[in-house]
Amino acid sequence: MPTQHFRSDSFLGRNSPGYLLKRAHSALIDHLEPVIEARGFTFTQYVVLMYLREGLVLSASVLCSQLRHDSGALTRIIDQLEARGLVQRERSRTDRRSVLLQLTEAGRTTLENMIPEVVEQLNTALGDFSADELAELMRLLTKLIVIVEAAGPNRAESTSGHGREGEDLPLIQEAGGRQPRRGTSGERT
């Protein structure tokens, strides 16, 4: 039986990992949005561009699943990015029902010009962490993702959020640009 970290008779939502992760996520978005919006993008548009840049998804359906976003709303976001010449749709050559997404050269250039400002904001937000603390935070977050996804109800259809559809690519880089190491069981250490 797994370690019982919480007890129902003393459980407080505000001390749960999910609550704290959501607060940290919201705080980081609040910190990054002004820079992204100054470039004429919403945070979600930026995330879509980053997912495509890093090859984390190839299709709108997987992107929708990974972002946990409504398909209609995500279609509108992709339409907006396509109208701006930043993303293009292409029918799969192997499955005509599937539409693949990719960044255009203009999309890649636009994103590459935005990344230094985003990185500066991230460095400011996380500036009170030492390099070792940030590496440990990233390691623990990655471990949490791997464990929860492996135990989750959708594990058969999940791509772990780490890679191209079906691949397991590193989700994060440690401080200094190093990729996380893997333990003998395949988990990131």
N, C-alpha and C. Protein backbone atom coordinates (compact mmCIF):
# COMPACT_ATOMS: atom_id res chain seq x y z
N MET A 1 0.85 -1.18 0.00
CA MET A 1 0.00 0.00 0.00
C MET A 1 0.89 1.25 0.00
N PRO A 2 0.55 2.23 -0.83
CA PRO A 2 1.37 3.45 -0.88
C PRO A 2 1.32 4.21 0.43
N THR A 3 2.36 5.02 0.65
CA THR A 3 2.42 5.86 1.84
C THR A 3 1.20 6.76 1.90
N GLN A 4 0.60 6.85 3.06
CA GLN A 4 -0.58 7.70 3.26
C GLN A 4 -0.11 9.08 3.75
N HIS A 5 0.05 10.01 2.83
CA HIS A 5 0.54 11.35 3.16
C HIS A 5 -0.57 12.24 3.74
N PHE A 6 -1.81 11.91 3.47
CA PHE A 6 -2.94 12.72 3.91
C PHE A 6 -3.93 11.84 4.66
N ARG A 7 -4.69 12.47 5.54
CA ARG A 7 -5.76 11.78 6.26
C ARG A 7 -7.03 12.57 6.06
N SER A 8 -8.15 11.89 5.85
CA SER A 8 -9.41 12.56 5.57
C SER A 8 -9.90 13.40 6.75
N ASP A 9 -9.56 13.01 7.97
CA ASP A 9 -10.05 13.76 9.14
C ASP A 9 -9.29 15.07 9.36
N SER A 10 -8.15 15.26 8.69
CA SER A 10 -7.39 16.49 8.86
C SER A 10 -7.04 17.16 7.53
N PHE A 11 -7.62 16.67 6.45
CA PHE A 11 -7.27 17.17 5.12
C PHE A 11 -7.80 18.58 4.90
N LEU A 12 -6.94 19.45 4.40
CA LEU A 12 -7.31 20.82 4.00
C LEU A 12 -6.91 21.00 2.54
N GLY A 13 -7.86 21.40 1.73
CA GLY A 13 -7.59 21.60 0.31
C GLY A 13 -6.44 22.55 0.05
N ARG A 14 -6.32 23.58 0.86
CA ARG A 14 -5.27 24.58 0.62
C ARG A 14 -3.87 24.04 0.87
N ASN A 15 -3.77 22.86 1.46
CA ASN A 15 -2.46 22.23 1.67
C ASN A 15 -2.22 21.06 0.71
N SER A 16 -3.14 20.87 -0.23
CA SER A 16 -2.98 19.75 -1.17
C SER A 16 -2.02 20.14 -2.30
N PRO A 17 -1.33 19.16 -2.86
CA PRO A 17 -0.42 19.46 -3.98
C PRO A 17 -1.14 20.12 -5.15
N GLY A 18 -2.35 19.65 -5.46
CA GLY A 18 -3.08 20.22 -6.59
C GLY A 18 -3.37 21.71 -6.40
N TYR A 19 -3.79 22.08 -5.21
CA TYR A 19 -4.08 23.49 -4.92
C TYR A 19 -2.81 24.33 -5.04
N LEU A 20 -1.72 23.84 -4.45
CA LEU A 20 -0.46 24.60 -4.49
C LEU A 20 0.09 24.68 -5.91
N LEU A 21 -0.03 23.59 -6.66
CA LEU A 21 0.42 23.63 -8.06
C LEU A 21 -0.40 24.61 -8.88
N LYS A 22 -1.71 24.62 -8.66
CA LYS A 22 -2.59 25.55 -9.39
C LYS A 22 -2.26 26.99 -9.04
N ARG A 23 -2.01 27.26 -7.76
CA ARG A 23 -1.62 28.63 -7.36
C ARG A 23 -0.30 29.04 -8.00
N ALA A 24 0.69 28.12 -8.00
CA ALA A 24 1.98 28.43 -8.61
C ALA A 24 1.82 28.65 -10.11
N HIS A 25 1.01 27.82 -10.76
CA HIS A 25 0.74 27.95 -12.19
C HIS A 25 0.10 29.30 -12.49
N SER A 26 -0.91 29.66 -11.71
CA SER A 26 -1.59 30.94 -11.92
C SER A 26 -0.65 32.12 -11.70
N ALA A 27 0.18 32.03 -10.67
CA ALA A 27 1.13 33.12 -10.39
C ALA A 27 2.13 33.27 -11.53
N LEU A 28 2.62 32.16 -12.07
CA LEU A 28 3.55 32.24 -13.19
C LEU A 28 2.88 32.82 -14.43
N ILE A 29 1.65 32.40 -14.70
CA ILE A 29 0.93 32.96 -15.84
C ILE A 29 0.76 34.47 -15.66
N ASP A 30 0.37 34.89 -14.47
CA ASP A 30 0.21 36.32 -14.19
C ASP A 30 1.52 37.07 -14.42
N HIS A 31 2.63 36.43 -14.14
CA HIS A 31 3.94 37.06 -14.32
C HIS A 31 4.35 37.13 -15.79
N LEU A 32 3.95 36.11 -16.56
CA LEU A 32 4.36 36.03 -17.97
C LEU A 32 3.41 36.75 -18.92
N GLU A 33 2.13 36.79 -18.59
CA GLU A 33 1.13 37.35 -19.52
C GLU A 33 1.43 38.75 -20.01
N PRO A 34 1.89 39.69 -19.18
CA PRO A 34 2.13 41.03 -19.72
C PRO A 34 3.13 41.05 -20.88
N VAL A 35 4.17 40.25 -20.79
CA VAL A 35 5.17 40.19 -21.85
C VAL A 35 4.57 39.57 -23.12
N ILE A 36 3.80 38.51 -22.94
CA ILE A 36 3.19 37.81 -24.07
C ILE A 36 2.11 38.68 -24.71
N GLU A 37 1.29 39.32 -23.89
CA GLU A 37 0.23 40.19 -24.42
C GLU A 37 0.80 41.42 -25.12
N ALA A 38 1.95 41.91 -24.66
CA ALA A 38 2.60 43.06 -25.31
C ALA A 38 3.01 42.71 -26.74
N ARG A 39 3.19 41.42 -27.01
CA ARG A 39 3.52 40.94 -28.35
C ARG A 39 2.27 40.61 -29.17
N GLY A 40 1.09 40.80 -28.57
CA GLY A 40 -0.16 40.58 -29.29
C GLY A 40 -0.69 39.16 -29.22
N PHE A 41 -0.29 38.41 -28.18
CA PHE A 41 -0.73 37.03 -28.05
C PHE A 41 -1.38 36.81 -26.69
N THR A 42 -2.26 35.82 -26.65
CA THR A 42 -2.77 35.35 -25.36
C THR A 42 -1.80 34.29 -24.85
N PHE A 43 -1.90 33.97 -23.57
CA PHE A 43 -1.03 32.94 -23.01
C PHE A 43 -1.28 31.61 -23.71
N THR A 44 -2.53 31.29 -23.98
CA THR A 44 -2.84 30.01 -24.64
C THR A 44 -2.27 29.97 -26.05
N GLN A 45 -2.33 31.08 -26.78
CA GLN A 45 -1.72 31.12 -28.11
C GLN A 45 -0.21 30.86 -28.02
N TYR A 46 0.42 31.47 -27.03
CA TYR A 46 1.85 31.27 -26.82
C TYR A 46 2.14 29.79 -26.53
N VAL A 47 1.34 29.17 -25.67
CA VAL A 47 1.55 27.77 -25.33
C VAL A 47 1.38 26.88 -26.56
N VAL A 48 0.38 27.15 -27.39
CA VAL A 48 0.18 26.38 -28.62
C VAL A 48 1.43 26.49 -29.50
N LEU A 49 1.94 27.69 -29.68
CA LEU A 49 3.14 27.89 -30.49
C LEU A 49 4.33 27.13 -29.91
N MET A 50 4.48 27.17 -28.58
CA MET A 50 5.59 26.45 -27.94
C MET A 50 5.45 24.94 -28.11
N TYR A 51 4.25 24.41 -27.94
CA TYR A 51 4.04 22.98 -28.13
C TYR A 51 4.44 22.57 -29.54
N LEU A 52 4.06 23.36 -30.53
CA LEU A 52 4.39 23.04 -31.92
C LEU A 52 5.89 23.20 -32.16
N ARG A 53 6.49 24.21 -31.61
CA ARG A 53 7.93 24.44 -31.76
C ARG A 53 8.73 23.26 -31.23
N GLU A 54 8.29 22.73 -30.09
CA GLU A 54 9.03 21.66 -29.44
C GLU A 54 8.61 20.27 -29.90
N GLY A 55 7.65 20.21 -30.82
CA GLY A 55 7.21 18.93 -31.34
C GLY A 55 6.46 18.08 -30.32
N LEU A 56 5.85 18.72 -29.33
CA LEU A 56 5.13 17.99 -28.30
C LEU A 56 3.81 17.43 -28.81
N VAL A 57 3.27 18.03 -29.84
CA VAL A 57 2.03 17.54 -30.45
C VAL A 57 2.13 17.75 -31.95
N LEU A 58 1.36 16.97 -32.66
CA LEU A 58 1.30 17.12 -34.12
C LEU A 58 -0.10 17.43 -34.59
N SER A 59 -1.11 17.07 -33.81
CA SER A 59 -2.49 17.26 -34.27
C SER A 59 -3.28 18.10 -33.27
N ALA A 60 -4.34 18.71 -33.79
CA ALA A 60 -5.19 19.55 -32.95
C ALA A 60 -5.86 18.72 -31.86
N SER A 61 -6.24 17.48 -32.17
CA SER A 61 -6.93 16.66 -31.18
C SER A 61 -6.02 16.33 -30.00
N VAL A 62 -4.77 16.01 -30.26
CA VAL A 62 -3.83 15.73 -29.17
C VAL A 62 -3.50 17.01 -28.41
N LEU A 63 -3.36 18.11 -29.13
CA LEU A 63 -3.11 19.39 -28.49
C LEU A 63 -4.25 19.73 -27.54
N CYS A 64 -5.46 19.54 -27.99
CA CYS A 64 -6.65 19.80 -27.18
C CYS A 64 -6.61 18.95 -25.90
N SER A 65 -6.28 17.70 -26.05
CA SER A 65 -6.20 16.80 -24.90
C SER A 65 -5.09 17.22 -23.95
N GLN A 66 -3.93 17.53 -24.48
CA GLN A 66 -2.79 17.92 -23.64
C GLN A 66 -3.05 19.22 -22.87
N LEU A 67 -3.69 20.17 -23.52
CA LEU A 67 -3.98 21.45 -22.88
C LEU A 67 -5.25 21.42 -22.04
N ARG A 68 -6.02 20.30 -22.16
CA ARG A 68 -7.29 20.17 -21.47
C ARG A 68 -8.18 21.37 -21.82
N HIS A 69 -8.27 21.62 -23.10
CA HIS A 69 -8.97 22.79 -23.63
C HIS A 69 -10.16 22.33 -24.46
N ASP A 70 -11.21 23.09 -24.46
CA ASP A 70 -12.38 22.83 -25.27
C ASP A 70 -11.99 22.82 -26.75
N SER A 71 -12.45 21.82 -27.50
CA SER A 71 -12.05 21.70 -28.90
C SER A 71 -12.49 22.88 -29.75
N GLY A 72 -13.68 23.40 -29.50
CA GLY A 72 -14.15 24.56 -30.26
C GLY A 72 -13.30 25.80 -30.00
N ALA A 73 -12.98 26.03 -28.73
CA ALA A 73 -12.14 27.19 -28.38
C ALA A 73 -10.74 27.03 -28.95
N LEU A 74 -10.20 25.82 -28.90
CA LEU A 74 -8.87 25.60 -29.43
C LEU A 74 -8.85 25.75 -30.95
N THR A 75 -9.92 25.32 -31.61
CA THR A 75 -10.02 25.51 -33.06
C THR A 75 -9.96 27.00 -33.40
N ARG A 76 -10.66 27.81 -32.62
CA ARG A 76 -10.62 29.27 -32.86
C ARG A 76 -9.20 29.82 -32.65
N ILE A 77 -8.50 29.33 -31.64
CA ILE A 77 -7.12 29.78 -31.39
C ILE A 77 -6.23 29.40 -32.57
N ILE A 78 -6.36 28.18 -33.05
CA ILE A 78 -5.57 27.74 -34.20
C ILE A 78 -5.94 28.55 -35.44
N ASP A 79 -7.24 28.82 -35.63
CA ASP A 79 -7.69 29.67 -36.74
C ASP A 79 -7.01 31.04 -36.69
N GLN A 80 -6.96 31.63 -35.49
CA GLN A 80 -6.34 32.95 -35.32
C GLN A 80 -4.86 32.90 -35.67
N LEU A 81 -4.17 31.87 -35.18
CA LEU A 81 -2.74 31.74 -35.46
C LEU A 81 -2.49 31.47 -36.94
N GLU A 82 -3.39 30.69 -37.56
CA GLU A 82 -3.26 30.41 -38.99
C GLU A 82 -3.51 31.69 -39.80
N ALA A 83 -4.51 32.48 -39.41
CA ALA A 83 -4.82 33.74 -40.12
C ALA A 83 -3.65 34.71 -40.05
N ARG A 84 -2.86 34.62 -38.99
CA ARG A 84 -1.69 35.49 -38.84
C ARG A 84 -0.46 34.91 -39.54
N GLY A 85 -0.63 33.75 -40.16
CA GLY A 85 0.47 33.13 -40.89
C GLY A 85 1.50 32.46 -40.01
N LEU A 86 1.13 32.09 -38.78
CA LEU A 86 2.08 31.53 -37.82
C LEU A 86 2.01 30.01 -37.73
N VAL A 87 0.86 29.46 -38.09
CA VAL A 87 0.61 28.02 -38.02
C VAL A 87 -0.04 27.60 -39.32
N GLN A 88 0.25 26.39 -39.75
CA GLN A 88 -0.46 25.86 -40.91
C GLN A 88 -0.96 24.46 -40.60
N ARG A 89 -2.11 24.17 -41.21
CA ARG A 89 -2.71 22.84 -41.11
C ARG A 89 -2.38 22.08 -42.38
N GLU A 90 -2.17 20.78 -42.20
CA GLU A 90 -1.89 19.93 -43.36
C GLU A 90 -2.51 18.56 -43.10
N ARG A 91 -3.19 18.04 -44.10
CA ARG A 91 -3.78 16.70 -43.99
C ARG A 91 -2.65 15.67 -43.87
N SER A 92 -2.85 14.71 -43.01
CA SER A 92 -1.89 13.62 -42.87
C SER A 92 -1.88 12.81 -44.16
N ARG A 93 -0.70 12.43 -44.59
CA ARG A 93 -0.59 11.61 -45.81
C ARG A 93 -0.99 10.17 -45.55
N THR A 94 -0.90 9.75 -44.27
CA THR A 94 -1.23 8.37 -43.94
C THR A 94 -2.66 8.20 -43.46
N ASP A 95 -3.27 9.28 -42.96
CA ASP A 95 -4.66 9.22 -42.49
C ASP A 95 -5.34 10.53 -42.87
N ARG A 96 -6.06 10.54 -43.95
CA ARG A 96 -6.67 11.77 -44.48
C ARG A 96 -7.65 12.41 -43.50
N ARG A 97 -8.12 11.65 -42.52
CA ARG A 97 -9.03 12.23 -41.51
C ARG A 97 -8.29 13.13 -40.53
N SER A 98 -6.99 12.91 -40.42
CA SER A 98 -6.18 13.63 -39.44
C SER A 98 -5.58 14.89 -40.05
N VAL A 99 -5.63 15.97 -39.28
CA VAL A 99 -5.03 17.23 -39.70
C VAL A 99 -3.85 17.51 -38.79
N LEU A 100 -2.69 17.69 -39.39
CA LEU A 100 -1.48 17.96 -38.64
C LEU A 100 -1.22 19.45 -38.58
N LEU A 101 -0.59 19.88 -37.50
CA LEU A 101 -0.27 21.29 -37.30
C LEU A 101 1.24 21.47 -37.33
N GLN A 102 1.66 22.59 -37.86
CA GLN A 102 3.08 22.92 -37.79
C GLN A 102 3.26 24.43 -37.81
N LEU A 103 4.37 24.85 -37.22
CA LEU A 103 4.71 26.27 -37.27
C LEU A 103 5.18 26.63 -38.66
N THR A 104 4.82 27.81 -39.10
CA THR A 104 5.38 28.34 -40.34
C THR A 104 6.72 28.98 -39.97
N GLU A 105 7.47 29.37 -40.95
CA GLU A 105 8.73 30.07 -40.68
C GLU A 105 8.46 31.37 -39.94
N ALA A 106 7.38 32.06 -40.32
CA ALA A 106 7.01 33.31 -39.61
C ALA A 106 6.65 33.00 -38.16
N GLY A 107 5.96 31.88 -37.92
CA GLY A 107 5.61 31.49 -36.57
C GLY A 107 6.84 31.21 -35.73
N ARG A 108 7.79 30.49 -36.33
CA ARG A 108 9.03 30.16 -35.63
C ARG A 108 9.82 31.44 -35.31
N THR A 109 9.92 32.33 -36.26
CA THR A 109 10.65 33.58 -36.05
C THR A 109 9.98 34.43 -34.98
N THR A 110 8.66 34.56 -35.05
CA THR A 110 7.92 35.33 -34.05
C THR A 110 8.15 34.77 -32.66
N LEU A 111 8.08 33.47 -32.54
CA LEU A 111 8.26 32.83 -31.24
C LEU A 111 9.69 32.98 -30.74
N GLU A 112 10.66 32.78 -31.62
CA GLU A 112 12.07 32.91 -31.22
C GLU A 112 12.38 34.33 -30.75
N ASN A 113 11.70 35.33 -31.31
CA ASN A 113 11.89 36.71 -30.88
C ASN A 113 11.23 36.98 -29.53
N MET A 114 10.21 36.22 -29.19
CA MET A 114 9.48 36.41 -27.93
C MET A 114 10.15 35.67 -26.77
N ILE A 115 10.79 34.56 -27.05
CA ILE A 115 11.34 33.70 -25.99
C ILE A 115 12.30 34.43 -25.06
N PRO A 116 13.22 35.27 -25.54
CA PRO A 116 14.12 35.94 -24.58
C PRO A 116 13.38 36.76 -23.52
N GLU A 117 12.29 37.40 -23.89
CA GLU A 117 11.52 38.17 -22.92
C GLU A 117 10.81 37.25 -21.92
N VAL A 118 10.30 36.13 -22.41
CA VAL A 118 9.65 35.16 -21.53
C VAL A 118 10.67 34.58 -20.56
N VAL A 119 11.85 34.23 -21.07
CA VAL A 119 12.92 33.68 -20.22
C VAL A 119 13.33 34.70 -19.16
N GLU A 120 13.43 35.96 -19.55
CA GLU A 120 13.78 37.01 -18.58
C GLU A 120 12.73 37.08 -17.47
N GLN A 121 11.45 37.00 -17.83
CA GLN A 121 10.38 37.02 -16.83
C GLN A 121 10.45 35.79 -15.92
N LEU A 122 10.71 34.62 -16.50
CA LEU A 122 10.85 33.41 -15.70
C LEU A 122 12.02 33.52 -14.73
N ASN A 123 13.14 34.04 -15.22
CA ASN A 123 14.30 34.21 -14.35
C ASN A 123 14.02 35.19 -13.22
N THR A 124 13.26 36.23 -13.51
CA THR A 124 12.87 37.18 -12.47
C THR A 124 11.95 36.51 -11.45
N ALA A 125 10.96 35.79 -11.94
CA ALA A 125 10.00 35.13 -11.04
C ALA A 125 10.67 34.09 -10.16
N LEU A 126 11.65 33.40 -10.69
CA LEU A 126 12.29 32.30 -9.96
C LEU A 126 13.66 32.68 -9.42
N GLY A 127 13.95 33.97 -9.41
CA GLY A 127 15.27 34.46 -9.03
C GLY A 127 15.70 34.15 -7.61
N ASP A 128 14.77 33.92 -6.70
CA ASP A 128 15.14 33.62 -5.32
C ASP A 128 15.48 32.15 -5.10
N PHE A 129 15.32 31.33 -6.13
CA PHE A 129 15.73 29.93 -6.05
C PHE A 129 17.21 29.82 -6.41
N SER A 130 17.95 28.98 -5.71
CA SER A 130 19.30 28.65 -6.15
C SER A 130 19.18 27.71 -7.35
N ALA A 131 20.28 27.51 -8.06
CA ALA A 131 20.26 26.59 -9.20
C ALA A 131 19.89 25.19 -8.73
N ASP A 132 20.41 24.77 -7.59
CA ASP A 132 20.09 23.45 -7.06
C ASP A 132 18.62 23.34 -6.65
N GLU A 133 18.07 24.39 -6.05
CA GLU A 133 16.66 24.37 -5.66
C GLU A 133 15.76 24.27 -6.89
N LEU A 134 16.07 25.03 -7.92
CA LEU A 134 15.26 24.98 -9.13
C LEU A 134 15.37 23.61 -9.80
N ALA A 135 16.58 23.06 -9.84
CA ALA A 135 16.74 21.72 -10.42
C ALA A 135 15.93 20.70 -9.62
N GLU A 136 15.92 20.82 -8.30
CA GLU A 136 15.16 19.89 -7.46
C GLU A 136 13.66 20.08 -7.67
N LEU A 137 13.21 21.32 -7.77
CA LEU A 137 11.80 21.59 -8.04
C LEU A 137 11.39 20.96 -9.37
N MET A 138 12.17 21.16 -10.40
CA MET A 138 11.86 20.61 -11.71
C MET A 138 11.88 19.08 -11.67
N ARG A 139 12.83 18.50 -10.96
CA ARG A 139 12.91 17.05 -10.84
C ARG A 139 11.66 16.50 -10.15
N LEU A 140 11.26 17.15 -9.05
CA LEU A 140 10.09 16.68 -8.30
C LEU A 140 8.80 16.86 -9.09
N LEU A 141 8.66 17.97 -9.79
CA LEU A 141 7.47 18.18 -10.61
C LEU A 141 7.39 17.13 -11.72
N THR A 142 8.53 16.85 -12.35
CA THR A 142 8.56 15.85 -13.41
C THR A 142 8.23 14.47 -12.84
N LYS A 143 8.77 14.16 -11.68
CA LYS A 143 8.46 12.88 -11.02
C LYS A 143 6.97 12.78 -10.71
N LEU A 144 6.38 13.86 -10.21
CA LEU A 144 4.96 13.88 -9.92
C LEU A 144 4.14 13.60 -11.18
N ILE A 145 4.49 14.26 -12.27
CA ILE A 145 3.78 14.06 -13.54
C ILE A 145 3.86 12.60 -13.97
N VAL A 146 5.04 12.04 -13.94
CA VAL A 146 5.23 10.65 -14.38
C VAL A 146 4.40 9.70 -13.51
N ILE A 147 4.46 9.88 -12.20
CA ILE A 147 3.74 8.98 -11.29
C ILE A 147 2.23 9.12 -11.46
N VAL A 148 1.73 10.34 -11.48
CA VAL A 148 0.29 10.55 -11.57
C VAL A 148 -0.25 10.08 -12.93
N GLU A 149 0.48 10.36 -14.00
CA GLU A 149 0.03 9.89 -15.31
C GLU A 149 0.04 8.38 -15.40
N ALA A 150 1.03 7.74 -14.80
CA ALA A 150 1.09 6.28 -14.84
C ALA A 150 -0.06 5.65 -14.06
N ALA A 151 -0.52 6.34 -13.02
CA ALA A 151 -1.61 5.82 -12.19
C ALA A 151 -2.98 6.28 -12.66
N GLY A 152 -3.00 7.23 -13.58
CA GLY A 152 -4.25 7.87 -13.98
C GLY A 152 -5.15 7.02 -14.84
N PRO A 153 -6.41 7.46 -14.96
CA PRO A 153 -7.40 6.70 -15.72
C PRO A 153 -7.15 6.70 -17.22
N ASN A 154 -6.41 7.67 -17.74
CA ASN A 154 -6.19 7.79 -19.18
C ASN A 154 -4.81 7.32 -19.60
N ARG A 155 -4.16 6.51 -18.79
CA ARG A 155 -2.76 6.17 -19.09
C ARG A 155 -2.58 5.48 -20.43
N ALA A 156 -3.56 4.74 -20.90
CA ALA A 156 -3.43 4.05 -22.18
C ALA A 156 -3.41 5.02 -23.35
N GLU A 157 -4.10 6.17 -23.22
CA GLU A 157 -4.14 7.12 -24.34
C GLU A 157 -3.23 8.30 -24.13
N SER A 158 -2.56 8.36 -22.98
CA SER A 158 -1.70 9.49 -22.68
C SER A 158 -0.38 9.38 -23.43
N THR A 159 0.14 10.53 -23.85
CA THR A 159 1.48 10.56 -24.43
C THR A 159 2.44 11.13 -23.41
N SER A 160 2.06 11.16 -22.15
CA SER A 160 2.84 11.66 -21.03
C SER A 160 3.07 13.16 -21.10
N GLY A 161 2.57 13.81 -22.14
CA GLY A 161 2.79 15.24 -22.24
C GLY A 161 4.24 15.57 -22.53
N HIS A 162 5.05 14.55 -22.78
CA HIS A 162 6.47 14.78 -22.92
C HIS A 162 6.95 14.75 -24.35
N GLY A 163 6.23 14.11 -25.23
CA GLY A 163 6.83 13.93 -26.53
C GLY A 163 5.87 13.95 -27.67
N ARG A 164 6.44 13.72 -28.82
CA ARG A 164 5.62 13.59 -30.01
C ARG A 164 4.65 12.46 -29.75
N GLU A 165 3.60 12.47 -30.45
CA GLU A 165 2.55 11.50 -30.19
C GLU A 165 3.15 10.10 -30.14
N GLY A 166 3.19 9.55 -28.91
CA GLY A 166 3.69 8.21 -28.70
C GLY A 166 5.13 8.16 -28.23
N GLU A 167 5.89 9.24 -28.34
CA GLU A 167 7.27 9.26 -27.87
C GLU A 167 7.32 9.84 -26.48
N ASP A 168 8.41 9.58 -25.77
CA ASP A 168 8.59 10.14 -24.44
C ASP A 168 9.83 11.02 -24.46
N LEU A 169 9.64 12.29 -24.79
CA LEU A 169 10.74 13.23 -24.82
C LEU A 169 10.80 13.98 -23.51
N PRO A 170 11.98 14.48 -23.13
CA PRO A 170 12.07 15.24 -21.88
C PRO A 170 11.13 16.43 -21.89
N LEU A 171 10.44 16.61 -20.78
CA LEU A 171 9.49 17.71 -20.64
C LEU A 171 10.20 19.01 -20.30
N ILE A 172 11.25 18.92 -19.53
CA ILE A 172 11.91 20.13 -19.03
C ILE A 172 13.41 20.00 -19.20
N GLN A 173 14.08 21.11 -19.03
CA GLN A 173 15.53 21.12 -18.92
C GLN A 173 15.86 21.60 -17.53
N GLU A 174 16.91 21.03 -16.96
CA GLU A 174 17.36 21.49 -15.67
C GLU A 174 18.04 22.83 -15.84
N ALA A 175 18.31 23.49 -14.71
CA ALA A 175 19.04 24.75 -14.74
C ALA A 175 20.33 24.54 -15.51
N GLY A 176 20.70 25.48 -16.34
CA GLY A 176 21.90 25.36 -17.14
C GLY A 176 21.67 24.63 -18.44
N GLY A 177 20.41 24.23 -18.74
CA GLY A 177 20.09 23.62 -20.00
C GLY A 177 20.31 22.12 -20.06
N ARG A 178 20.70 21.50 -18.91
CA ARG A 178 20.91 20.04 -18.91
C ARG A 178 19.58 19.33 -18.93
N GLN A 179 19.53 18.19 -19.60
CA GLN A 179 18.33 17.36 -19.60
C GLN A 179 18.35 16.54 -18.32
N PRO A 180 17.17 16.28 -17.73
CA PRO A 180 17.12 15.45 -16.53
C PRO A 180 17.65 14.05 -16.83
N ARG A 181 18.33 13.47 -15.83
CA ARG A 181 18.81 12.10 -15.97
C ARG A 181 17.66 11.14 -15.73
N ARG A 182 17.79 9.93 -16.23
CA ARG A 182 16.78 8.90 -16.01
C ARG A 182 17.35 7.83 -15.11
N GLY A 183 16.52 7.35 -14.19
CA GLY A 183 16.88 6.24 -13.34
C GLY A 183 16.75 4.93 -14.11
N THR A 184 17.06 3.83 -13.45
CA THR A 184 17.02 2.54 -14.12
C THR A 184 15.62 2.14 -14.52
N SER A 185 14.59 2.66 -13.82
CA SER A 185 13.23 2.32 -14.17
C SER A 185 12.65 3.23 -15.24
N GLY A 186 13.47 4.17 -15.75
CA GLY A 186 13.00 5.08 -16.77
C GLY A 186 12.48 6.40 -16.23
N GLU A 187 12.32 6.48 -14.89
CA GLU A 187 11.82 7.74 -14.34
C GLU A 187 12.96 8.75 -14.32
N ARG A 188 12.58 10.00 -14.41
CA ARG A 188 13.58 11.07 -14.37
C ARG A 188 14.05 11.21 -12.94
N THR A 189 15.36 11.39 -12.77
CA THR A 189 15.93 11.53 -11.43
C THR A 189 16.56 12.88 -11.27
